[in-house]
Amino acid sequence: MAGIYIHIPFCKVKCNYCDFHFSTNQKLTSKMVDSICLELNQKKEYLVKEPIKTIYFGGGTPSIIRTELLREIVDAIYSNFEIVENVEFTFECNPDDLNSKKLEDLRGLGVNRLSIGIQSFEDEQLEFMNRAHNSNEASNCVKLAQDNGFSNITIDLIYGLPNTSVDYWEKQIEKAIKLKVNHISAYCLTIEEKTVFGNWYKTGKLKLVEDEYSLNQFKILQSELKKNGFEHYEISNFSKNGFISNHNSAYWLGEKYIGIGPSAHSFNGDSRQWNVANNVKYINGFKNNINTFELEELSSIDKFNEYILTRLRTKWGVNLEELFLINSTRKEQTLKTIEQFISNDDLQLSDNTIYITQQGKFIVDYISSELFI
């Protein structure tokens, strides 16, 4: 089975940390939806008619799009693909976009999982990040969604923010737990070059926290969520029993998916392709029947490295038999490197599968890079 990702490239405002592709100019919304529907039709054979088990609307901010336009996209998905009966349908939204009518409309579209971009429950930090919502909306939107029949809700939080204390971060976790959500994604603030924060950092207006400070907040996050019944199943993701994200897990487990919309990526096991990250070029491409994507055929080395990169971050680990079926040219060297990390208690081996340890989670990107061909 496979998944479909729909990229909605529009936002109300530009968050200071975000480097995803989007525009705050929404004049092209209708034309964008038309092009997305055309791409869905064109890609209906991309996965050789594999059933679709997950649908994910991301962005950008899908929740700012009118329901009738969203319905056009959903109809195009169902008319071009075989959708399993119990499909996981995730919809990203911002707290300030949610009201009872919007939530009712989303349920009517078939959405059964909400991903709410809270990031912080404190006004000072929300203003610092230039988020469009306030602290009251951050808390109230989750309760409102629950009252309107949504039981599968994930929220996003950001840690490692400058000028925040341990007490601040502990309160963020406490508030998230009190909301009784069943999935939390938490990301350490990273400074990307082409962002407001990136410019502030270059000019000295923004100073980063020490790595040890962010690491301490990550440890607090792990500890508190574990106490409250969350499984740490991927470096940035924590879930109550039965609420792991099927869509994102498919990425990490190397399953096939289709990406629709500007900047979206697709993967069929042997190649990867990505759409142009430009709204006008994307729309004009479909209008004038011009190719809007680039294609990369994956070598065995690419597949080997991607298997390590995605699987090592998860609770499922790296199966060595599967890994060396992909590429065994450096098997001896890879095993020696693995042994070194095992001896340092960064990895553990069980049933021919290597898993990241609690200690290793703090340096998982470094470990992965050392295992790459």
Foldseek 3Di string as FASTA:
>chain_A
DAAEEEADAEACDAFQQDDFFHYPDCPCVLLQLVLLLVVLQVCLPVQPQDEHQEYEYYYHAPLVDDLVSVLSNLVSNVVRHHYDPNHAYEHEHELVSDDLVSLVSCVVSVHQEYEYELQALAQVVCVVRVPPDHNVSSLVSLVRNVVNPHQAYEYEYEDQAPPDDLVRLVVRLVSVVVSVHFKYFYYYRDHDCPGNSNVCVVVVVDDGDDLVRRVVSLVVNVVVVVVVQWDQFFLGMTGHPPRDDPNVVCQLQVHWYHYTGAQTWGDNNFKIKGFHSDSVCSSVCSVVVHDGMDMDGDALLNVLLSNLVRQQRGPNARQQVVSVVSPCPCVVVLVVLVVVCVVVVQWDDDPNGIYGGPVVSSVSVVSSVVNGD
